[in-house]
């Protein structure tokens, strides 16, 4: 039961210093306990770990049995991936950027000048996307405002 509880929290990134997480062994040997404890968030996290591996963002060690073993360093890598995804970067961009960032407390710090230039370009792309969305919103506002009052009232009553 402890192993299943541990995996549910370790996969989500809550790992004590010096620990190692082995997903396959726990899932295979404690399937009923994992099934009882596993919620959607944990299942999603496990799928994300495998996705990150498919995208070459994460390379966990493998046991002779083939089960993945995630170290504390892997947990840090996942935190950095999640931060970069939250910043709007694609996994393709993250694959390039990831080797050039380190964690400093709660923030990521660039360690390569080339990466900083790429991040600046990505920021420009995001700003342009925001501007395009604002233009689209303004166009919709114009169309909505042009509707006759009775149609606007009818639409508001269905909201």
Protein backbone atom coordinates (compact mmCIF):
# COMPACT_ATOMS: atom_id res chain seq x y z
CA UNK A 1 0.00 0.00 0.00
CA UNK A 2 2.86 2.40 0.82
CA UNK A 3 4.44 1.80 -2.60
CA UNK A 4 1.23 2.75 -4.38
CA UNK A 5 0.82 5.87 -2.25
CA UNK A 6 4.44 6.80 -2.94
CA UNK A 7 4.08 6.50 -6.69
CA UNK A 8 0.93 8.61 -6.73
CA UNK A 9 2.83 11.50 -5.19
CA UNK A 10 6.24 10.89 -6.76
CA UNK A 11 4.86 10.95 -10.30
CA UNK A 12 3.34 14.33 -9.54
CA UNK A 13 6.78 15.63 -8.56
CA UNK A 14 6.60 15.40 -4.76
CA UNK A 15 9.73 13.41 -4.03
CA UNK A 16 11.93 13.50 -0.95
CA UNK A 17 15.65 14.03 -1.49
CA UNK A 18 17.63 10.93 -2.39
CA UNK A 19 14.69 8.81 -3.50
CA UNK A 20 14.23 6.86 -6.69
CA UNK A 21 10.91 6.12 -8.35
CA UNK A 22 10.28 2.98 -10.35
CA UNK A 23 6.92 3.10 -12.07
CA UNK A 24 6.77 -0.25 -13.83
CA UNK A 25 7.66 -2.38 -10.82
CA UNK A 26 5.09 -0.71 -8.62
CA UNK A 27 2.37 -0.87 -11.24
CA UNK A 28 3.11 -4.52 -11.97
CA UNK A 29 3.47 -5.76 -8.39
CA UNK A 30 0.91 -3.58 -6.65
CA UNK A 31 -1.70 -3.25 -9.37
CA UNK A 32 -4.69 -3.52 -7.07
CA UNK A 33 -3.32 -0.95 -4.63
CA UNK A 34 -2.38 1.38 -7.48
CA UNK A 35 -5.81 0.90 -8.99
CA UNK A 36 -7.42 1.90 -5.70
CA UNK A 37 -5.28 4.99 -5.26
CA UNK A 38 -4.69 6.15 -8.81
CA UNK A 39 -6.82 9.11 -9.77
CA UNK A 40 -7.06 10.91 -13.10
CA UNK A 41 -4.23 13.30 -12.21
CA UNK A 42 -1.83 10.48 -11.44
CA UNK A 43 -2.78 8.52 -14.53
CA UNK A 44 -2.33 11.66 -16.61
CA UNK A 45 1.05 12.27 -15.01
CA UNK A 46 2.20 8.76 -15.90
CA UNK A 47 1.07 9.25 -19.50
CA UNK A 48 2.92 12.60 -19.56
CA UNK A 49 6.13 10.96 -18.37
CA UNK A 50 5.93 8.48 -21.22
CA UNK A 51 5.10 11.29 -23.67
CA UNK A 52 8.12 13.29 -22.49
CA UNK A 53 10.23 10.20 -23.06
CA UNK A 54 8.80 9.76 -26.60
CA UNK A 55 9.67 13.41 -27.30
CA UNK A 56 13.25 12.78 -26.07
CA UNK A 57 12.80 15.26 -23.22
CA UNK A 58 13.27 12.65 -20.50
CA UNK A 59 15.50 9.58 -20.48
CA UNK A 60 14.77 7.50 -17.38
CA UNK A 61 17.02 4.58 -16.48
CA UNK A 62 15.69 1.12 -17.28
CA UNK A 63 15.91 -1.87 -14.99
CA UNK A 64 16.88 -5.23 -16.51
CA UNK A 65 13.16 -6.03 -16.47
CA UNK A 66 12.54 -3.00 -18.74
CA UNK A 67 10.71 -0.97 -16.12
CA UNK A 68 11.46 2.74 -16.02
CA UNK A 69 13.26 4.15 -13.02
CA UNK A 70 12.94 7.90 -12.40
CA UNK A 71 15.61 9.57 -10.31
CA UNK A 72 15.44 12.83 -8.40
CA UNK A 73 17.20 14.49 -11.36
CA UNK A 74 14.37 13.25 -13.62
CA UNK A 75 11.83 14.87 -11.30
CA UNK A 76 13.73 18.17 -11.70
CA UNK A 77 13.71 17.73 -15.48
CA UNK A 78 9.94 17.21 -15.40
CA UNK A 79 9.54 20.41 -13.36
CA UNK A 80 11.55 22.32 -15.96
CA UNK A 81 9.52 20.80 -18.81
CA UNK A 82 6.25 21.77 -17.10
CA UNK A 83 7.50 25.34 -16.53
CA UNK A 84 8.53 25.70 -20.16
CA UNK A 85 5.21 24.26 -21.37
CA UNK A 86 3.39 26.74 -19.10
CA UNK A 87 5.41 29.51 -20.77
CA UNK A 88 3.86 28.51 -24.10
CA UNK A 89 6.77 26.61 -25.63
CA UNK A 90 6.23 23.53 -27.78
CA UNK A 91 7.91 20.24 -26.91
CA UNK A 92 10.08 20.66 -30.02
CA UNK A 93 11.35 24.00 -28.71
CA UNK A 94 11.71 22.59 -25.20
CA UNK A 95 13.96 19.81 -26.54
CA UNK A 96 16.35 22.53 -27.74
CA UNK A 97 16.02 24.76 -24.68
CA UNK A 98 16.03 22.17 -21.89
CA UNK A 99 19.81 21.53 -21.78
CA UNK A 100 20.36 25.29 -21.40
CA UNK A 101 18.22 26.03 -18.33
CA UNK A 102 18.75 25.40 -14.66
CA UNK A 103 16.47 25.86 -11.71
CA UNK A 104 17.18 28.61 -9.25
CA UNK A 105 14.55 28.33 -6.57
CA UNK A 106 11.16 28.76 -8.24
CA UNK A 107 12.47 30.14 -11.53
CA UNK A 108 14.38 28.90 -14.55
CA UNK A 109 17.63 30.58 -15.50
CA UNK A 110 19.10 30.47 -19.03
CA UNK A 111 22.67 29.18 -19.23
CA UNK A 112 23.33 29.54 -23.00
CA UNK A 113 23.30 32.75 -25.03
CA UNK A 114 21.91 30.96 -28.10
CA UNK A 115 18.99 29.73 -26.04
CA UNK A 116 18.25 33.23 -24.81
CA UNK A 117 17.98 34.44 -28.41
CA UNK A 118 15.56 31.58 -29.17
CA UNK A 119 13.44 32.43 -26.13
CA UNK A 120 13.31 36.07 -27.20
CA UNK A 121 12.11 35.00 -30.65
CA UNK A 122 9.50 32.71 -29.06
CA UNK A 123 8.31 35.63 -26.91
CA UNK A 124 7.86 37.74 -30.05
CA UNK A 125 5.79 34.95 -31.61
CA UNK A 126 3.55 34.78 -28.52
CA UNK A 127 3.09 38.58 -28.50
CA UNK A 128 2.05 38.43 -32.17
CA UNK A 129 -0.43 35.64 -31.41
CA UNK A 130 -1.91 37.74 -28.56
CA UNK A 131 -2.22 40.74 -30.90
CA UNK A 132 -3.93 38.57 -33.54
CA UNK A 133 -6.40 37.24 -30.95
CA UNK A 134 -7.17 40.77 -29.74
CA UNK A 135 -7.87 41.82 -33.32
CA UNK A 136 -10.22 38.85 -33.71
CA UNK A 137 -11.97 39.72 -30.44
CA UNK A 138 -12.43 43.33 -31.57
CA UNK A 139 -13.92 42.15 -34.88
CA UNK A 140 -16.38 39.91 -33.00
CA UNK A 141 -17.28 42.78 -30.67
CA UNK A 142 -18.11 44.91 -33.72
CA UNK A 143 -20.37 42.22 -35.18
CA UNK A 144 -22.09 41.61 -31.83
CA UNK A 145 -22.64 45.35 -31.30
CA UNK A 146 -24.26 45.63 -34.73
CA UNK A 147 -27.02 43.17 -33.80
CA UNK A 148 -30.47 44.68 -33.29
CA UNK A 149 -31.45 45.22 -29.64
CA UNK A 150 -34.15 42.52 -29.66
CA UNK A 151 -31.70 39.89 -30.93
CA UNK A 152 -29.08 40.92 -28.31
CA UNK A 153 -31.74 40.65 -25.55
CA UNK A 154 -32.78 37.20 -26.77
CA UNK A 155 -29.15 36.07 -26.85
CA UNK A 156 -28.51 37.45 -23.35
CA UNK A 157 -31.51 35.55 -21.96
CA UNK A 158 -30.04 32.25 -23.17
CA UNK A 159 -26.66 32.84 -21.50
